[in-house]
PDB file of N, CA and C in Angstrom:
ATOM      1  N   UNK A   1       2.828   8.918  -4.757  1.00  0.00           N
ATOM      2  CA  UNK A   1       1.652   8.418  -4.059  1.00  0.00           C
ATOM      3  C   UNK A   1       1.868   8.592  -2.563  1.00  0.00           C
ATOM      4  N   UNK A   2       0.817   9.018  -1.909  1.00  0.00           N
ATOM      5  CA  UNK A   2       0.892   9.215  -0.470  1.00  0.00           C
ATOM      6  C   UNK A   2      -0.403   8.741   0.174  1.00  0.00           C
ATOM      7  N   UNK A   3      -0.261   8.189   1.349  1.00  0.00           N
ATOM      8  CA  UNK A   3      -1.421   7.844   2.161  1.00  0.00           C
ATOM      9  C   UNK A   3      -2.013   9.160   2.672  1.00  0.00           C
ATOM     10  N   UNK A   4      -3.328   9.309   2.584  1.00  0.00           N
ATOM     11  CA  UNK A   4      -3.966  10.522   3.106  1.00  0.00           C
ATOM     12  C   UNK A   4      -3.662  10.660   4.593  1.00  0.00           C
ATOM     13  N   UNK A   5      -3.527  11.876   5.040  1.00  0.00           N
ATOM     14  CA  UNK A   5      -3.137  12.133   6.434  1.00  0.00           C
ATOM     15  C   UNK A   5      -4.170  11.665   7.446  1.00  0.00           C
ATOM     16  N   UNK A   6      -5.435  11.653   7.069  1.00  0.00           N
ATOM     17  CA  UNK A   6      -6.467  11.278   8.034  1.00  0.00           C
ATOM     18  C   UNK A   6      -6.682   9.766   8.138  1.00  0.00           C
ATOM     19  N   UNK A   7      -5.964   8.985   7.353  1.00  0.00           N
ATOM     20  CA  UNK A   7      -6.133   7.532   7.359  1.00  0.00           C
ATOM     21  C   UNK A   7      -5.361   6.933   8.533  1.00  0.00           C
ATOM     22  N   UNK A   8      -6.052   6.155   9.338  1.00  0.00           N
ATOM     23  CA  UNK A   8      -5.414   5.456  10.455  1.00  0.00           C
ATOM     24  C   UNK A   8      -4.905   4.115   9.941  1.00  0.00           C
ATOM     25  N   UNK A   9      -3.644   3.807  10.256  1.00  0.00           N
ATOM     26  CA  UNK A   9      -3.016   2.579   9.767  1.00  0.00           C
ATOM     27  C   UNK A   9      -2.354   1.873  10.939  1.00  0.00           C
ATOM     28  N   UNK A  10      -2.687   0.585  11.117  1.00  0.00           N
ATOM     29  CA  UNK A  10      -2.029  -0.192  12.172  1.00  0.00           C
ATOM     30  C   UNK A  10      -0.814  -0.906  11.584  1.00  0.00           C
ATOM     31  N   UNK A  11       0.063  -1.384  12.454  1.00  0.00           N
ATOM     32  CA  UNK A  11       1.246  -2.131  12.013  1.00  0.00           C
ATOM     33  C   UNK A  11       0.870  -3.440  11.327  1.00  0.00           C
ATOM     34  N   UNK A  12      -0.308  -3.942  11.603  1.00  0.00           N
ATOM     35  CA  UNK A  12      -0.754  -5.214  11.028  1.00  0.00           C
ATOM     36  C   UNK A  12      -1.429  -5.044   9.670  1.00  0.00           C
ATOM     37  N   UNK A  13      -1.544  -3.807   9.183  1.00  0.00           N
ATOM     38  CA  UNK A  13      -2.127  -3.573   7.874  1.00  0.00           C
ATOM     39  C   UNK A  13      -3.612  -3.281   7.887  1.00  0.00           C
ATOM     40  N   UNK A  14      -4.140  -2.883   9.034  1.00  0.00           N
ATOM     41  CA  UNK A  14      -5.547  -2.490   9.131  1.00  0.00           C
ATOM     42  C   UNK A  14      -5.626  -0.999   8.858  1.00  0.00           C
ATOM     43  N   UNK A  15      -6.517  -0.590   7.950  1.00  0.00           N
ATOM     44  CA  UNK A  15      -6.671   0.812   7.582  1.00  0.00           C
ATOM     45  C   UNK A  15      -8.081   1.271   7.905  1.00  0.00           C
ATOM     46  N   UNK A  16      -8.184   2.508   8.373  1.00  0.00           N
ATOM     47  CA  UNK A  16      -9.489   3.083   8.678  1.00  0.00           C
ATOM     48  C   UNK A  16      -9.552   4.483   8.103  1.00  0.00           C
ATOM     49  N   UNK A  17     -10.611   4.748   7.336  1.00  0.00           N
ATOM     50  CA  UNK A  17     -10.833   6.070   6.762  1.00  0.00           C
ATOM     51  C   UNK A  17     -11.960   6.730   7.550  1.00  0.00           C
ATOM     52  N   UNK A  18     -11.638   7.660   8.450  1.00  0.00           N
ATOM     53  CA  UNK A  18     -12.672   8.280   9.274  1.00  0.00           C
ATOM     54  C   UNK A  18     -13.641   9.149   8.468  1.00  0.00           C
ATOM     55  N   UNK A  19     -13.233   9.607   7.308  1.00  0.00           N
ATOM     56  CA  UNK A  19     -14.115  10.437   6.488  1.00  0.00           C
ATOM     57  C   UNK A  19     -15.292   9.642   5.935  1.00  0.00           C
ATOM     58  N   UNK A  20     -15.043   8.357   5.645  1.00  0.00           N
ATOM     59  CA  UNK A  20     -16.101   7.514   5.070  1.00  0.00           C
ATOM     60  C   UNK A  20     -16.611   6.459   6.046  1.00  0.00           C
ATOM     61  N   UNK A  21     -15.834   6.180   7.098  1.00  0.00           N
ATOM     62  CA  UNK A  21     -16.184   5.114   8.025  1.00  0.00           C
ATOM     63  C   UNK A  21     -15.765   3.740   7.537  1.00  0.00           C
ATOM     64  N   UNK A  22     -15.099   3.680   6.381  1.00  0.00           N
ATOM     65  CA  UNK A  22     -14.665   2.402   5.815  1.00  0.00           C
ATOM     66  C   UNK A  22     -13.402   1.907   6.497  1.00  0.00           C
ATOM     67  N   UNK A  23     -13.298   0.590   6.631  1.00  0.00           N
ATOM     68  CA  UNK A  23     -12.079  -0.018   7.147  1.00  0.00           C
ATOM     69  C   UNK A  23     -11.681  -1.157   6.224  1.00  0.00           C
ATOM     70  N   UNK A  24     -10.392  -1.413   6.182  1.00  0.00           N
ATOM     71  CA  UNK A  24      -9.826  -2.412   5.289  1.00  0.00           C
ATOM     72  C   UNK A  24      -8.697  -3.131   6.002  1.00  0.00           C
ATOM     73  N   UNK A  25      -8.434  -4.340   5.594  1.00  0.00           N
ATOM     74  CA  UNK A  25      -7.253  -5.048   6.095  1.00  0.00           C
ATOM     75  C   UNK A  25      -6.501  -5.621   4.902  1.00  0.00           C
ATOM     76  N   UNK A  26      -5.195  -5.729   5.055  1.00  0.00           N
ATOM     77  CA  UNK A  26      -4.335  -6.234   3.994  1.00  0.00           C
ATOM     78  C   UNK A  26      -3.560  -7.443   4.493  1.00  0.00           C
ATOM     79  N   UNK A  27      -2.958  -8.150   3.540  1.00  0.00           N
ATOM     80  CA  UNK A  27      -2.071  -9.252   3.913  1.00  0.00           C
ATOM     81  C   UNK A  27      -0.696  -8.685   4.258  1.00  0.00           C
ATOM     82  N   UNK A  28       0.274  -9.548   4.504  1.00  0.00           N
ATOM     83  CA  UNK A  28       1.607  -9.110   4.914  1.00  0.00           C
ATOM     84  C   UNK A  28       2.291  -8.210   3.908  1.00  0.00           C
ATOM     85  N   UNK A  29       2.235  -8.569   2.647  1.00  0.00           N
ATOM     86  CA  UNK A  29       2.872  -7.747   1.624  1.00  0.00           C
ATOM     87  C   UNK A  29       2.137  -6.415   1.490  1.00  0.00           C
ATOM     88  N   UNK A  30       0.815  -6.445   1.551  1.00  0.00           N
ATOM     89  CA  UNK A  30       0.044  -5.207   1.508  1.00  0.00           C
ATOM     90  C   UNK A  30       0.419  -4.295   2.654  1.00  0.00           C
ATOM     91  N   UNK A  31       0.627  -4.877   3.820  1.00  0.00           N
ATOM     92  CA  UNK A  31       1.026  -4.106   4.995  1.00  0.00           C
ATOM     93  C   UNK A  31       2.393  -3.449   4.768  1.00  0.00           C
ATOM     94  N   UNK A  32       3.318  -4.193   4.154  1.00  0.00           N
ATOM     95  CA  UNK A  32       4.642  -3.635   3.857  1.00  0.00           C
ATOM     96  C   UNK A  32       4.536  -2.495   2.846  1.00  0.00           C
ATOM     97  N   UNK A  33       3.699  -2.664   1.841  1.00  0.00           N
ATOM     98  CA  UNK A  33       3.506  -1.621   0.840  1.00  0.00           C
ATOM     99  C   UNK A  33       2.934  -0.366   1.499  1.00  0.00           C
ATOM    100  N   UNK A  34       1.954  -0.539   2.364  1.00  0.00           N
ATOM    101  CA  UNK A  34       1.377   0.598   3.084  1.00  0.00           C
ATOM    102  C   UNK A  34       2.456   1.305   3.895  1.00  0.00           C
ATOM    103  N   UNK A  35       3.281   0.542   4.576  1.00  0.00           N
ATOM    104  CA  UNK A  35       4.362   1.120   5.370  1.00  0.00           C
ATOM    105  C   UNK A  35       5.323   1.917   4.489  1.00  0.00           C
ATOM    106  N   UNK A  36       5.661   1.380   3.324  1.00  0.00           N
ATOM    107  CA  UNK A  36       6.564   2.075   2.407  1.00  0.00           C
ATOM    108  C   UNK A  36       5.902   3.337   1.842  1.00  0.00           C
ATOM    109  N   UNK A  37       4.609   3.267   1.562  1.00  0.00           N
ATOM    110  CA  UNK A  37       3.893   4.455   1.094  1.00  0.00           C
ATOM    111  C   UNK A  37       3.890   5.540   2.164  1.00  0.00           C
ATOM    112  N   UNK A  38       3.742   5.145   3.425  1.00  0.00           N
ATOM    113  CA  UNK A  38       3.774   6.114   4.529  1.00  0.00           C
ATOM    114  C   UNK A  38       5.134   6.797   4.626  1.00  0.00           C
ATOM    115  N   UNK A  39       6.175   6.112   4.133  1.00  0.00           N
ATOM    116  CA  UNK A  39       7.528   6.676   4.136  1.00  0.00           C
ATOM    117  C   UNK A  39       7.798   7.480   2.864  1.00  0.00           C
ATOM    118  N   UNK A  40       6.749   7.712   2.066  1.00  0.00           N
ATOM    119  CA  UNK A  40       6.848   8.467   0.806  1.00  0.00           C
ATOM    120  C   UNK A  40       7.795   7.834  -0.202  1.00  0.00           C
ATOM    121  N   UNK A  41       7.859   6.508  -0.203  1.00  0.00           N
ATOM    122  CA  UNK A  41       8.682   5.793  -1.181  1.00  0.00           C
ATOM    123  C   UNK A  41       8.006   5.846  -2.549  1.00  0.00           C
ATOM    124  N   UNK A  42       8.814   5.909  -3.589  1.00  0.00           N
ATOM    125  CA  UNK A  42       8.297   5.905  -4.957  1.00  0.00           C
ATOM    126  C   UNK A  42       7.917   4.481  -5.355  1.00  0.00           C
ATOM    127  N   UNK A  43       7.216   4.369  -6.461  1.00  0.00           N
ATOM    128  CA  UNK A  43       6.835   3.046  -6.967  1.00  0.00           C
ATOM    129  C   UNK A  43       8.065   2.184  -7.197  1.00  0.00           C
ATOM    130  N   UNK A  44       9.087   2.751  -7.810  1.00  0.00           N
ATOM    131  CA  UNK A  44      10.299   1.965  -8.080  1.00  0.00           C
ATOM    132  C   UNK A  44      10.994   1.546  -6.783  1.00  0.00           C
ATOM    133  N   UNK A  45      10.987   2.403  -5.774  1.00  0.00           N
ATOM    134  CA  UNK A  45      11.590   2.049  -4.484  1.00  0.00           C
ATOM    135  C   UNK A  45      10.792   0.933  -3.803  1.00  0.00           C
ATOM    136  N   UNK A  46       9.477   0.995  -3.912  1.00  0.00           N
ATOM    137  CA  UNK A  46       8.636  -0.053  -3.319  1.00  0.00           C
ATOM    138  C   UNK A  46       8.898  -1.380  -4.017  1.00  0.00           C
ATOM    139  N   UNK A  47       8.957  -1.366  -5.338  1.00  0.00           N
ATOM    140  CA  UNK A  47       9.228  -2.595  -6.100  1.00  0.00           C
ATOM    141  C   UNK A  47      10.578  -3.165  -5.710  1.00  0.00           C
ATOM    142  N   UNK A  48      11.580  -2.310  -5.584  1.00  0.00           N
ATOM    143  CA  UNK A  48      12.921  -2.760  -5.208  1.00  0.00           C
ATOM    144  C   UNK A  48      12.916  -3.402  -3.819  1.00  0.00           C
ATOM    145  N   UNK A  49      12.264  -2.757  -2.863  1.00  0.00           N
ATOM    146  CA  UNK A  49      12.226  -3.264  -1.486  1.00  0.00           C
ATOM    147  C   UNK A  49      11.489  -4.604  -1.407  1.00  0.00           C
ATOM    148  N   UNK A  50      10.327  -4.695  -2.032  1.00  0.00           N
ATOM    149  CA  UNK A  50       9.552  -5.938  -1.988  1.00  0.00           C
ATOM    150  C   UNK A  50      10.306  -7.055  -2.710  1.00  0.00           C
ATOM    151  N   UNK A  51      10.978  -6.714  -3.815  1.00  0.00           N
ATOM    152  CA  UNK A  51      11.753  -7.709  -4.569  1.00  0.00           C
ATOM    153  C   UNK A  51      12.886  -8.287  -3.730  1.00  0.00           C
ATOM    154  N   UNK A  52      13.474  -7.460  -2.856  1.00  0.00           N
ATOM    155  CA  UNK A  52      14.555  -7.941  -1.989  1.00  0.00           C
ATOM    156  C   UNK A  52      14.032  -8.920  -0.945  1.00  0.00           C
ATOM    157  N   UNK A  53      12.802  -8.695  -0.483  1.00  0.00           N
ATOM    158  CA  UNK A  53      12.258  -9.489   0.612  1.00  0.00           C
ATOM    159  C   UNK A  53      11.527 -10.747   0.175  1.00  0.00           C
ATOM    160  N   UNK A  54      11.085 -10.804  -1.085  1.00  0.00           N
ATOM    161  CA  UNK A  54      10.281 -11.933  -1.555  1.00  0.00           C
ATOM    162  C   UNK A  54      10.776 -12.408  -2.909  1.00  0.00           C
ATOM    163  N   UNK A  55      10.661 -13.698  -3.133  1.00  0.00           N
ATOM    164  CA  UNK A  55      11.002 -14.281  -4.424  1.00  0.00           C
ATOM    165  C   UNK A  55       9.776 -14.162  -5.323  1.00  0.00           C
ATOM    166  N   UNK A  56       9.712 -13.054  -6.055  1.00  0.00           N
ATOM    167  CA  UNK A  56       8.549 -12.762  -6.877  1.00  0.00           C
ATOM    168  C   UNK A  56       9.011 -12.222  -8.224  1.00  0.00           C
ATOM    169  N   UNK A  57       8.291 -12.567  -9.276  1.00  0.00           N
ATOM    170  CA  UNK A  57       8.581 -12.061 -10.603  1.00  0.00           C
ATOM    171  C   UNK A  57       8.359 -10.546 -10.607  1.00  0.00           C
ATOM    172  N   UNK A  58       9.340  -9.807 -11.081  1.00  0.00           N
ATOM    173  CA  UNK A  58       9.281  -8.347 -11.028  1.00  0.00           C
ATOM    174  C   UNK A  58       8.102  -7.782 -11.842  1.00  0.00           C
ATOM    175  N   UNK A  59       7.848  -8.327 -13.008  1.00  0.00           N
ATOM    176  CA  UNK A  59       6.723  -7.853 -13.815  1.00  0.00           C
ATOM    177  C   UNK A  59       5.389  -8.117 -13.120  1.00  0.00           C
ATOM    178  N   UNK A  60       5.273  -9.268 -12.497  1.00  0.00           N
ATOM    179  CA  UNK A  60       4.065  -9.595 -11.746  1.00  0.00           C
ATOM    180  C   UNK A  60       3.908  -8.636 -10.562  1.00  0.00           C
ATOM    181  N   UNK A  61       5.003  -8.343  -9.892  1.00  0.00           N
ATOM    182  CA  UNK A  61       4.974  -7.415  -8.765  1.00  0.00           C
ATOM    183  C   UNK A  61       4.544  -6.026  -9.226  1.00  0.00           C
ATOM    184  N   UNK A  62       5.079  -5.558 -10.342  1.00  0.00           N
ATOM    185  CA  UNK A  62       4.699  -4.248 -10.864  1.00  0.00           C
ATOM    186  C   UNK A  62       3.200  -4.191 -11.162  1.00  0.00           C
ATOM    187  N   UNK A  63       2.693  -5.242 -11.784  1.00  0.00           N
ATOM    188  CA  UNK A  63       1.267  -5.285 -12.115  1.00  0.00           C
ATOM    189  C   UNK A  63       0.414  -5.319 -10.851  1.00  0.00           C
ATOM    190  N   UNK A  64       0.812  -6.161  -9.897  1.00  0.00           N
ATOM    191  CA  UNK A  64       0.056  -6.275  -8.646  1.00  0.00           C
ATOM    192  C   UNK A  64       0.100  -4.975  -7.841  1.00  0.00           C
ATOM    193  N   UNK A  65       1.252  -4.309  -7.828  1.00  0.00           N
ATOM    194  CA  UNK A  65       1.375  -3.036  -7.119  1.00  0.00           C
ATOM    195  C   UNK A  65       0.477  -1.984  -7.767  1.00  0.00           C
ATOM    196  N   UNK A  66       0.447  -1.963  -9.085  1.00  0.00           N
ATOM    197  CA  UNK A  66      -0.411  -1.022  -9.796  1.00  0.00           C
ATOM    198  C   UNK A  66      -1.885  -1.276  -9.464  1.00  0.00           C
ATOM    199  N   UNK A  67      -2.267  -2.542  -9.428  1.00  0.00           N
ATOM    200  CA  UNK A  67      -3.651  -2.902  -9.089  1.00  0.00           C
ATOM    201  C   UNK A  67      -3.971  -2.524  -7.637  1.00  0.00           C
ATOM    202  N   UNK A  68      -3.046  -2.814  -6.721  1.00  0.00           N
ATOM    203  CA  UNK A  68      -3.249  -2.526  -5.301  1.00  0.00           C
ATOM    204  C   UNK A  68      -3.381  -1.024  -5.063  1.00  0.00           C
ATOM    205  N   UNK A  69      -2.469  -0.232  -5.651  1.00  0.00           N
ATOM    206  CA  UNK A  69      -2.547   1.207  -5.452  1.00  0.00           C
ATOM    207  C   UNK A  69      -3.793   1.787  -6.132  1.00  0.00           C
ATOM    208  N   UNK A  70      -4.223   1.177  -7.225  1.00  0.00           N
ATOM    209  CA  UNK A  70      -5.472   1.608  -7.852  1.00  0.00           C
ATOM    210  C   UNK A  70      -6.654   1.422  -6.917  1.00  0.00           C
ATOM    211  N   UNK A  71      -6.684   0.293  -6.216  1.00  0.00           N
ATOM    212  CA  UNK A  71      -7.745   0.051  -5.236  1.00  0.00           C
ATOM    213  C   UNK A  71      -7.675   1.055  -4.085  1.00  0.00           C
ATOM    214  N   UNK A  72      -6.462   1.345  -3.636  1.00  0.00           N
ATOM    215  CA  UNK A  72      -6.304   2.327  -2.556  1.00  0.00           C
ATOM    216  C   UNK A  72      -6.815   3.697  -2.989  1.00  0.00           C
ATOM    217  N   UNK A  73      -6.586   4.057  -4.240  1.00  0.00           N
ATOM    218  CA  UNK A  73      -7.098   5.331  -4.759  1.00  0.00           C
ATOM    219  C   UNK A  73      -8.622   5.291  -4.846  1.00  0.00           C
ATOM    220  N   UNK A  74      -9.158   4.175  -5.338  1.00  0.00           N
ATOM    221  CA  UNK A  74     -10.616   4.039  -5.458  1.00  0.00           C
ATOM    222  C   UNK A  74     -11.311   4.193  -4.106  1.00  0.00           C
ATOM    223  N   UNK A  75     -10.651   3.728  -3.044  1.00  0.00           N
ATOM    224  CA  UNK A  75     -11.239   3.799  -1.700  1.00  0.00           C
ATOM    225  C   UNK A  75     -10.773   5.033  -0.922  1.00  0.00           C
ATOM    226  N   UNK A  76     -10.200   5.992  -1.634  1.00  0.00           N
ATOM    227  CA  UNK A  76      -9.768   7.279  -1.047  1.00  0.00           C
ATOM    228  C   UNK A  76      -8.739   7.114   0.065  1.00  0.00           C
ATOM    229  N   UNK A  77      -7.890   6.106  -0.054  1.00  0.00           N
ATOM    230  CA  UNK A  77      -6.805   5.904   0.899  1.00  0.00           C
ATOM    231  C   UNK A  77      -5.579   6.721   0.473  1.00  0.00           C
ATOM    232  N   UNK A  78      -5.355   6.790  -0.838  1.00  0.00           N
ATOM    233  CA  UNK A  78      -4.229   7.560  -1.383  1.00  0.00           C
ATOM    234  C   UNK A  78      -4.692   8.917  -1.854  1.00  0.00           C
ATOM    235  N   UNK A  79      -3.788   9.875  -1.782  1.00  0.00           N
ATOM    236  CA  UNK A  79      -4.073  11.221  -2.301  1.00  0.00           C
ATOM    237  C   UNK A  79      -4.055  11.182  -3.814  1.00  0.00           C
TER     238      UNK A  79
END
Protein backbone atom coordinates (compact mmCIF):
# COMPACT_ATOMS: atom_id res chain seq x y z
CA UNK A 1 0.00 0.00 0.00
CA UNK A 2 1.24 3.43 -0.87
CA UNK A 3 -0.04 6.94 -0.46
CA UNK A 4 -0.65 8.46 -3.91
CA UNK A 5 2.09 10.89 -4.88
CA UNK A 6 -0.26 13.82 -5.40
CA UNK A 7 -1.75 13.61 -1.89
CA UNK A 8 -0.65 16.39 0.44
CA UNK A 9 -0.12 15.20 4.01
CA UNK A 10 0.63 17.35 7.05
CA UNK A 11 2.46 16.14 10.16
CA UNK A 12 -0.80 16.50 12.09
CA UNK A 13 -2.63 13.99 9.89
CA UNK A 14 -4.44 16.37 7.54
CA UNK A 15 -4.73 14.97 4.01
CA UNK A 16 -5.65 16.80 0.82
CA UNK A 17 -6.40 15.20 -2.54
CA UNK A 18 -5.95 17.91 -5.19
CA UNK A 19 -7.47 15.68 -7.88
CA UNK A 20 -10.85 15.63 -6.11
CA UNK A 21 -10.58 18.67 -3.82
CA UNK A 22 -11.36 16.44 -0.83
CA UNK A 23 -9.64 16.92 2.50
CA UNK A 24 -9.54 14.66 5.52
CA UNK A 25 -8.14 14.70 9.02
CA UNK A 26 -7.14 11.78 11.21
CA UNK A 27 -6.52 11.20 14.89
CA UNK A 28 -3.04 10.57 16.33
CA UNK A 29 -2.90 6.90 15.46
CA UNK A 30 -4.25 7.60 11.98
CA UNK A 31 -1.52 10.18 11.54
CA UNK A 32 1.12 7.61 12.56
CA UNK A 33 -0.32 5.07 10.12
CA UNK A 34 -0.21 7.65 7.32
CA UNK A 35 3.41 8.41 8.19
CA UNK A 36 4.29 4.71 8.10
CA UNK A 37 2.49 4.28 4.77
CA UNK A 38 4.52 7.19 3.37
CA UNK A 39 7.63 5.22 4.40
CA UNK A 40 6.34 2.25 2.33
CA UNK A 41 5.92 0.08 5.43
CA UNK A 42 4.03 -3.18 4.99
CA UNK A 43 0.85 -3.99 6.89
CA UNK A 44 2.76 -6.26 9.26
CA UNK A 45 5.40 -3.56 9.89
CA UNK A 46 2.67 -1.00 10.63
CA UNK A 47 0.96 -3.39 13.05
CA UNK A 48 4.28 -4.08 14.77
CA UNK A 49 5.12 -0.37 15.12
CA UNK A 50 1.68 0.65 16.42
CA UNK A 51 1.67 -2.33 18.82
CA UNK A 52 4.96 -1.12 20.31
CA UNK A 53 3.61 2.38 20.89
CA UNK A 54 0.11 1.59 22.19
CA UNK A 55 -1.46 -0.96 24.49
CA UNK A 56 -3.92 -2.38 21.98
CA UNK A 57 -5.22 -5.85 21.18
CA UNK A 58 -3.38 -7.04 18.08
CA UNK A 59 -6.46 -8.58 16.44
CA UNK A 60 -8.42 -5.38 17.02
CA UNK A 61 -5.54 -3.37 15.55
CA UNK A 62 -5.42 -5.60 12.46
CA UNK A 63 -9.16 -5.17 11.92
CA UNK A 64 -9.04 -1.41 12.48
CA UNK A 65 -6.04 -1.03 10.16
CA UNK A 66 -7.85 -2.99 7.46
CA UNK A 67 -10.92 -0.76 7.86
CA UNK A 68 -8.81 2.43 7.86
CA UNK A 69 -6.84 1.48 4.75
CA UNK A 70 -10.09 0.46 3.07
CA UNK A 71 -11.42 3.97 3.66
CA UNK A 72 -8.21 5.48 2.31
CA UNK A 73 -8.62 3.39 -0.85
CA UNK A 74 -12.29 4.39 -1.16
CA UNK A 75 -11.27 8.06 -1.03
CA UNK A 76 -8.43 7.56 -3.55
CA UNK A 77 -5.72 8.29 -0.99
CA UNK A 78 -3.96 4.94 -1.53
CA UNK A 79 -2.79 3.54 -4.84
